[in-house]
Amino acid sequence: MRVTIQANGFVLTDALRSYTEQRLSMALGWAGQHMRRLAVSLSDINGPRGGIDKRCKIQVQLGGGKEVIIEDTEADLYVAIDRAADRADRAVVRQVERKRDFSHTRLAAGQPAELDTSGHDERNRNDDAAS
């Protein structure tokens, strides 16, 4: 999985880059075939003033034009990364499940639309019972 990581307002250290990649790999590694792009933006909103201002924004581009965007802001950047990764995992699971639930197949012309579990056409069974 290829991850694009940007840092705004501070220098992105190798340790922070490695932690972010490892955390995202644990959270979203399973979804590799569903993702087209994964981008992370880490920022320090208030700069040297401090406070709850470390933001982690994760953007996941899925197949079919769907995009999941998660932001989390915390006092500790590592906590923000953890929470955002967990939330991104849950959001991607929901999107993938929706895609699976709504995958529609077109019926060929003349193919019956209603089949029971045995594979027999329900309409023919109703006609036979009425006779």
N, C-alpha and C. Protein backbone atom coordinates (compact mmCIF):
# COMPACT_ATOMS: atom_id res chain seq x y z
N MET A 1 0.85 -1.17 0.00
CA MET A 1 0.00 0.00 0.00
C MET A 1 0.90 1.23 0.00
N ARG A 2 0.67 2.12 -0.95
CA ARG A 2 1.44 3.35 -1.06
C ARG A 2 0.69 4.46 -0.34
N VAL A 3 1.37 5.12 0.58
CA VAL A 3 0.77 6.17 1.39
C VAL A 3 1.50 7.48 1.09
N THR A 4 0.74 8.53 0.83
CA THR A 4 1.30 9.87 0.67
C THR A 4 1.08 10.62 1.98
N ILE A 5 2.18 11.09 2.58
CA ILE A 5 2.09 11.78 3.86
C ILE A 5 2.65 13.19 3.71
N GLN A 6 1.87 14.18 4.15
CA GLN A 6 2.28 15.58 4.13
C GLN A 6 2.28 16.10 5.55
N ALA A 7 3.21 17.01 5.85
CA ALA A 7 3.24 17.66 7.16
C ALA A 7 3.15 19.17 6.94
N ASN A 8 2.29 19.82 7.69
CA ASN A 8 2.14 21.27 7.62
C ASN A 8 2.39 21.86 9.00
N GLY A 9 3.31 22.79 9.10
CA GLY A 9 3.59 23.46 10.36
C GLY A 9 4.67 22.82 11.18
N PHE A 10 5.25 21.74 10.72
CA PHE A 10 6.37 21.09 11.42
C PHE A 10 7.10 20.18 10.44
N VAL A 11 8.26 19.71 10.86
CA VAL A 11 9.08 18.82 10.03
C VAL A 11 8.62 17.38 10.26
N LEU A 12 8.41 16.66 9.19
CA LEU A 12 8.00 15.26 9.27
C LEU A 12 9.24 14.41 9.49
N THR A 13 9.37 13.86 10.68
CA THR A 13 10.53 13.03 11.00
C THR A 13 10.35 11.63 10.45
N ASP A 14 11.45 10.91 10.36
CA ASP A 14 11.38 9.52 9.88
C ASP A 14 10.56 8.66 10.84
N ALA A 15 10.68 8.94 12.14
CA ALA A 15 9.92 8.16 13.13
C ALA A 15 8.42 8.39 12.97
N LEU A 16 8.02 9.62 12.75
CA LEU A 16 6.61 9.94 12.58
C LEU A 16 6.08 9.35 11.27
N ARG A 17 6.87 9.43 10.21
CA ARG A 17 6.47 8.83 8.93
C ARG A 17 6.31 7.32 9.08
N SER A 18 7.27 6.68 9.73
CA SER A 18 7.22 5.24 9.92
C SER A 18 6.01 4.84 10.77
N TYR A 19 5.75 5.58 11.84
CA TYR A 19 4.61 5.28 12.70
C TYR A 19 3.30 5.40 11.93
N THR A 20 3.17 6.47 11.15
CA THR A 20 1.95 6.69 10.37
C THR A 20 1.74 5.56 9.36
N GLU A 21 2.78 5.20 8.64
CA GLU A 21 2.67 4.12 7.65
C GLU A 21 2.31 2.79 8.32
N GLN A 22 2.96 2.52 9.46
CA GLN A 22 2.69 1.27 10.18
C GLN A 22 1.25 1.23 10.69
N ARG A 23 0.79 2.33 11.25
CA ARG A 23 -0.57 2.39 11.81
C ARG A 23 -1.63 2.25 10.72
N LEU A 24 -1.41 2.90 9.58
CA LEU A 24 -2.36 2.79 8.47
C LEU A 24 -2.32 1.40 7.84
N SER A 25 -1.15 0.80 7.82
CA SER A 25 -1.04 -0.55 7.30
C SER A 25 -1.83 -1.53 8.16
N MET A 26 -1.76 -1.36 9.48
CA MET A 26 -2.53 -2.23 10.38
C MET A 26 -4.03 -1.99 10.22
N ALA A 27 -4.44 -0.73 10.09
CA ALA A 27 -5.87 -0.41 10.03
C ALA A 27 -6.48 -0.68 8.66
N LEU A 28 -5.75 -0.36 7.59
CA LEU A 28 -6.34 -0.42 6.25
C LEU A 28 -5.64 -1.39 5.31
N GLY A 29 -4.72 -2.17 5.81
CA GLY A 29 -4.00 -3.11 4.95
C GLY A 29 -4.91 -4.09 4.23
N TRP A 30 -5.99 -4.50 4.89
CA TRP A 30 -6.95 -5.44 4.31
C TRP A 30 -7.65 -4.87 3.08
N ALA A 31 -7.74 -3.55 2.97
CA ALA A 31 -8.53 -2.90 1.93
C ALA A 31 -7.70 -2.49 0.72
N GLY A 32 -6.52 -3.04 0.59
CA GLY A 32 -5.62 -2.65 -0.49
C GLY A 32 -6.23 -2.74 -1.88
N GLN A 33 -7.00 -3.79 -2.15
CA GLN A 33 -7.58 -3.96 -3.49
C GLN A 33 -8.75 -3.01 -3.73
N HIS A 34 -9.30 -2.41 -2.68
CA HIS A 34 -10.42 -1.48 -2.84
C HIS A 34 -9.96 -0.03 -2.95
N MET A 35 -8.73 0.26 -2.55
CA MET A 35 -8.25 1.64 -2.50
C MET A 35 -7.47 2.00 -3.75
N ARG A 36 -7.73 3.19 -4.25
CA ARG A 36 -6.95 3.72 -5.36
C ARG A 36 -5.85 4.64 -4.86
N ARG A 37 -6.15 5.36 -3.77
CA ARG A 37 -5.20 6.35 -3.25
C ARG A 37 -5.42 6.51 -1.75
N LEU A 38 -4.33 6.71 -1.03
CA LEU A 38 -4.39 6.96 0.40
C LEU A 38 -3.46 8.12 0.71
N ALA A 39 -4.02 9.21 1.20
CA ALA A 39 -3.24 10.41 1.51
C ALA A 39 -3.49 10.82 2.95
N VAL A 40 -2.41 11.21 3.63
CA VAL A 40 -2.49 11.64 5.02
C VAL A 40 -1.88 13.03 5.12
N SER A 41 -2.59 13.91 5.80
CA SER A 41 -2.10 15.26 6.05
C SER A 41 -2.01 15.46 7.55
N LEU A 42 -0.82 15.73 8.05
CA LEU A 42 -0.59 15.98 9.47
C LEU A 42 -0.29 17.46 9.63
N SER A 43 -0.97 18.11 10.57
CA SER A 43 -0.73 19.54 10.73
C SER A 43 -0.80 19.97 12.19
N ASP A 44 -0.10 21.06 12.46
CA ASP A 44 -0.10 21.70 13.78
C ASP A 44 -0.82 23.03 13.58
N ILE A 45 -2.08 23.09 14.01
CA ILE A 45 -2.94 24.24 13.70
C ILE A 45 -2.45 25.51 14.38
N ASN A 46 -2.17 25.45 15.68
CA ASN A 46 -1.80 26.65 16.42
C ASN A 46 -0.30 26.92 16.43
N GLY A 47 0.48 26.05 15.87
CA GLY A 47 1.93 26.26 15.87
C GLY A 47 2.50 26.17 17.27
N PRO A 48 3.42 27.05 17.63
CA PRO A 48 4.10 26.96 18.92
C PRO A 48 3.22 27.34 20.11
N ARG A 49 2.02 27.84 19.88
CA ARG A 49 1.15 28.23 21.00
C ARG A 49 0.63 27.04 21.78
N GLY A 50 0.62 25.85 21.19
CA GLY A 50 0.18 24.65 21.88
C GLY A 50 -1.32 24.49 21.88
N GLY A 51 -1.79 23.58 22.72
CA GLY A 51 -3.22 23.32 22.80
C GLY A 51 -3.62 22.09 22.01
N ILE A 52 -4.92 21.84 21.98
CA ILE A 52 -5.46 20.69 21.23
C ILE A 52 -5.51 21.10 19.76
N ASP A 53 -4.39 20.90 19.10
CA ASP A 53 -4.29 21.45 17.75
C ASP A 53 -3.51 20.60 16.77
N LYS A 54 -3.29 19.34 17.08
CA LYS A 54 -2.60 18.45 16.15
C LYS A 54 -3.67 17.71 15.36
N ARG A 55 -3.64 17.88 14.05
CA ARG A 55 -4.69 17.32 13.21
C ARG A 55 -4.12 16.25 12.29
N CYS A 56 -4.87 15.17 12.16
CA CYS A 56 -4.57 14.12 11.19
C CYS A 56 -5.77 13.99 10.27
N LYS A 57 -5.54 14.19 9.00
CA LYS A 57 -6.60 14.07 8.00
C LYS A 57 -6.23 12.94 7.05
N ILE A 58 -7.12 11.96 6.93
CA ILE A 58 -6.89 10.80 6.07
C ILE A 58 -7.91 10.82 4.95
N GLN A 59 -7.42 10.72 3.72
CA GLN A 59 -8.29 10.67 2.55
C GLN A 59 -8.05 9.34 1.85
N VAL A 60 -9.12 8.57 1.69
CA VAL A 60 -9.05 7.27 1.02
C VAL A 60 -9.93 7.35 -0.22
N GLN A 61 -9.31 7.17 -1.39
CA GLN A 61 -10.05 7.15 -2.65
C GLN A 61 -10.34 5.70 -2.98
N LEU A 62 -11.63 5.35 -3.01
CA LEU A 62 -12.06 3.98 -3.29
C LEU A 62 -12.46 3.86 -4.75
N GLY A 63 -12.60 2.64 -5.21
CA GLY A 63 -13.09 2.41 -6.55
C GLY A 63 -14.52 2.91 -6.69
N GLY A 64 -14.91 3.24 -7.88
CA GLY A 64 -16.26 3.73 -8.12
C GLY A 64 -16.46 5.18 -7.77
N GLY A 65 -15.38 5.91 -7.55
CA GLY A 65 -15.49 7.34 -7.29
C GLY A 65 -15.81 7.71 -5.85
N LYS A 66 -15.94 6.73 -4.96
CA LYS A 66 -16.22 7.02 -3.56
C LYS A 66 -14.95 7.48 -2.86
N GLU A 67 -15.12 8.42 -1.93
CA GLU A 67 -13.99 8.91 -1.16
C GLU A 67 -14.37 9.00 0.31
N VAL A 68 -13.48 8.55 1.17
CA VAL A 68 -13.67 8.62 2.61
C VAL A 68 -12.66 9.64 3.13
N ILE A 69 -13.15 10.64 3.87
CA ILE A 69 -12.28 11.66 4.46
C ILE A 69 -12.53 11.67 5.96
N ILE A 70 -11.47 11.49 6.71
CA ILE A 70 -11.54 11.45 8.17
C ILE A 70 -10.57 12.48 8.73
N GLU A 71 -11.03 13.28 9.67
CA GLU A 71 -10.16 14.24 10.37
C GLU A 71 -10.29 13.99 11.86
N ASP A 72 -9.15 14.09 12.55
CA ASP A 72 -9.17 14.00 14.00
C ASP A 72 -8.17 15.01 14.55
N THR A 73 -8.56 15.73 15.58
CA THR A 73 -7.71 16.75 16.20
C THR A 73 -7.53 16.40 17.68
N GLU A 74 -6.29 16.35 18.10
CA GLU A 74 -5.95 15.99 19.48
C GLU A 74 -4.75 16.84 19.93
N ALA A 75 -4.44 16.76 21.23
CA ALA A 75 -3.26 17.45 21.77
C ALA A 75 -1.99 16.71 21.36
N ASP A 76 -2.07 15.37 21.21
CA ASP A 76 -0.93 14.55 20.83
C ASP A 76 -1.14 14.04 19.41
N LEU A 77 -0.17 14.26 18.55
CA LEU A 77 -0.30 13.87 17.14
C LEU A 77 -0.42 12.35 16.98
N TYR A 78 0.27 11.59 17.81
CA TYR A 78 0.18 10.13 17.73
C TYR A 78 -1.23 9.63 18.06
N VAL A 79 -1.86 10.25 19.02
CA VAL A 79 -3.24 9.90 19.38
C VAL A 79 -4.17 10.25 18.22
N ALA A 80 -3.95 11.40 17.60
CA ALA A 80 -4.77 11.81 16.45
C ALA A 80 -4.62 10.83 15.30
N ILE A 81 -3.41 10.35 15.07
CA ILE A 81 -3.18 9.36 14.01
C ILE A 81 -3.91 8.06 14.33
N ASP A 82 -3.80 7.60 15.59
CA ASP A 82 -4.47 6.36 15.99
C ASP A 82 -5.98 6.45 15.81
N ARG A 83 -6.56 7.52 16.31
CA ARG A 83 -8.03 7.66 16.23
C ARG A 83 -8.49 7.80 14.79
N ALA A 84 -7.78 8.59 14.01
CA ALA A 84 -8.17 8.77 12.61
C ALA A 84 -8.04 7.46 11.84
N ALA A 85 -7.00 6.68 12.10
CA ALA A 85 -6.83 5.39 11.42
C ALA A 85 -7.97 4.44 11.78
N ASP A 86 -8.34 4.39 13.06
CA ASP A 86 -9.46 3.52 13.47
C ASP A 86 -10.76 3.96 12.80
N ARG A 87 -11.01 5.25 12.78
CA ARG A 87 -12.25 5.75 12.16
C ARG A 87 -12.24 5.52 10.66
N ALA A 88 -11.08 5.67 10.02
CA ALA A 88 -10.98 5.42 8.58
C ALA A 88 -11.26 3.96 8.28
N ASP A 89 -10.76 3.07 9.13
CA ASP A 89 -11.01 1.64 8.95
C ASP A 89 -12.51 1.35 8.97
N ARG A 90 -13.20 1.87 9.98
CA ARG A 90 -14.65 1.64 10.08
C ARG A 90 -15.40 2.24 8.89
N ALA A 91 -14.99 3.43 8.45
CA ALA A 91 -15.68 4.08 7.33
C ALA A 91 -15.46 3.31 6.03
N VAL A 92 -14.25 2.81 5.81
CA VAL A 92 -13.97 2.04 4.59
C VAL A 92 -14.74 0.72 4.62
N VAL A 93 -14.83 0.09 5.79
CA VAL A 93 -15.63 -1.14 5.91
C VAL A 93 -17.07 -0.85 5.50
N ARG A 94 -17.64 0.24 6.00
CA ARG A 94 -19.03 0.58 5.64
C ARG A 94 -19.18 0.78 4.14
N GLN A 95 -18.25 1.50 3.52
CA GLN A 95 -18.35 1.76 2.08
C GLN A 95 -18.22 0.47 1.27
N VAL A 96 -17.30 -0.40 1.66
CA VAL A 96 -17.12 -1.66 0.94
C VAL A 96 -18.35 -2.54 1.09
N GLU A 97 -18.93 -2.59 2.30
CA GLU A 97 -20.14 -3.38 2.51
C GLU A 97 -21.31 -2.82 1.69
N ARG A 98 -21.43 -1.52 1.63
CA ARG A 98 -22.50 -0.93 0.81
C ARG A 98 -22.32 -1.29 -0.65
N LYS A 99 -21.09 -1.27 -1.11
CA LYS A 99 -20.83 -1.61 -2.51
C LYS A 99 -21.22 -3.06 -2.78
N ARG A 100 -20.91 -3.95 -1.83
CA ARG A 100 -21.27 -5.36 -2.00
C ARG A 100 -22.77 -5.57 -1.92
N ASP A 101 -23.45 -4.86 -1.01
CA ASP A 101 -24.90 -5.01 -0.85
C ASP A 101 -25.67 -4.54 -2.07
N PHE A 102 -25.15 -3.56 -2.77
CA PHE A 102 -25.89 -2.97 -3.87
C PHE A 102 -25.31 -3.33 -5.23
N SER A 103 -24.56 -4.40 -5.31
CA SER A 103 -24.06 -4.80 -6.63
C SER A 103 -25.20 -5.48 -7.37
N HIS A 104 -25.61 -4.87 -8.44
CA HIS A 104 -26.75 -5.36 -9.21
C HIS A 104 -26.23 -6.01 -10.49
N THR A 105 -26.88 -7.10 -10.86
CA THR A 105 -26.55 -7.74 -12.12
C THR A 105 -27.77 -7.61 -13.03
N ARG A 106 -27.50 -7.38 -14.27
CA ARG A 106 -28.59 -7.26 -15.24
C ARG A 106 -29.04 -8.65 -15.66
N LEU A 107 -30.34 -8.80 -15.80
CA LEU A 107 -30.89 -10.06 -16.26
C LEU A 107 -30.90 -10.09 -17.77
N ALA A 108 -30.60 -11.24 -18.31
CA ALA A 108 -30.66 -11.41 -19.76
C ALA A 108 -32.12 -11.42 -20.18
N ALA A 109 -32.38 -11.05 -21.42
CA ALA A 109 -33.75 -11.03 -21.93
C ALA A 109 -34.36 -12.43 -21.83
N GLY A 110 -35.56 -12.52 -21.26
CA GLY A 110 -36.26 -13.78 -21.13
C GLY A 110 -35.91 -14.56 -19.88
N GLN A 111 -34.94 -14.09 -19.10
CA GLN A 111 -34.57 -14.79 -17.86
C GLN A 111 -35.56 -14.42 -16.77
N PRO A 112 -36.07 -15.39 -16.00
CA PRO A 112 -37.04 -15.09 -14.94
C PRO A 112 -36.40 -14.24 -13.84
N ALA A 113 -37.16 -13.30 -13.33
CA ALA A 113 -36.66 -12.39 -12.30
C ALA A 113 -36.80 -12.97 -10.91
N GLU A 114 -37.78 -13.82 -10.68
CA GLU A 114 -38.06 -14.34 -9.33
C GLU A 114 -37.81 -15.83 -9.30
N LEU A 115 -36.76 -16.23 -8.57
CA LEU A 115 -36.45 -17.65 -8.42
C LEU A 115 -36.48 -17.99 -6.95
N ASP A 116 -37.05 -19.18 -6.62
CA ASP A 116 -36.98 -19.61 -5.24
C ASP A 116 -35.64 -20.30 -5.03
N THR A 117 -35.39 -20.83 -3.85
CA THR A 117 -34.08 -21.39 -3.54
C THR A 117 -33.77 -22.65 -4.33
N SER A 118 -34.78 -23.34 -4.86
CA SER A 118 -34.53 -24.55 -5.64
C SER A 118 -34.22 -24.22 -7.09
N GLY A 119 -34.35 -22.95 -7.47
CA GLY A 119 -34.04 -22.54 -8.82
C GLY A 119 -35.22 -22.57 -9.76
N HIS A 120 -36.43 -22.87 -9.25
CA HIS A 120 -37.63 -22.90 -10.08
C HIS A 120 -38.27 -21.53 -10.12
N ASP A 121 -38.88 -21.22 -11.21
CA ASP A 121 -39.54 -19.93 -11.39
C ASP A 121 -40.79 -19.87 -10.52
N GLU A 122 -40.88 -18.86 -9.66
CA GLU A 122 -42.03 -18.69 -8.77
C GLU A 122 -43.32 -18.50 -9.56
N ARG A 123 -43.26 -17.79 -10.66
CA ARG A 123 -44.48 -17.52 -11.43
C ARG A 123 -45.06 -18.80 -12.00
N ASN A 124 -44.20 -19.73 -12.46
CA ASN A 124 -44.70 -20.99 -13.00
C ASN A 124 -45.32 -21.84 -11.91
N ARG A 125 -44.77 -21.82 -10.71
CA ARG A 125 -45.29 -22.60 -9.60
C ARG A 125 -46.70 -22.09 -9.26
N ASN A 126 -46.87 -20.78 -9.23
CA ASN A 126 -48.19 -20.21 -8.91
C ASN A 126 -49.20 -20.59 -10.00
N ASP A 127 -48.77 -20.62 -11.25
CA ASP A 127 -49.67 -20.99 -12.34
C ASP A 127 -50.07 -22.47 -12.21
N ASP A 128 -49.10 -23.34 -11.83
CA ASP A 128 -49.38 -24.76 -11.69
C ASP A 128 -50.33 -25.00 -10.53
N ALA A 129 -50.18 -24.26 -9.43
CA ALA A 129 -51.03 -24.43 -8.26
C ALA A 129 -52.45 -23.98 -8.55
N ALA A 130 -52.62 -23.00 -9.40
CA ALA A 130 -53.94 -22.48 -9.72
C ALA A 130 -54.70 -23.43 -10.63
N SER A 131 -54.02 -24.34 -11.34
CA SER A 131 -54.67 -25.25 -12.29
C SER A 131 -55.33 -26.39 -11.63
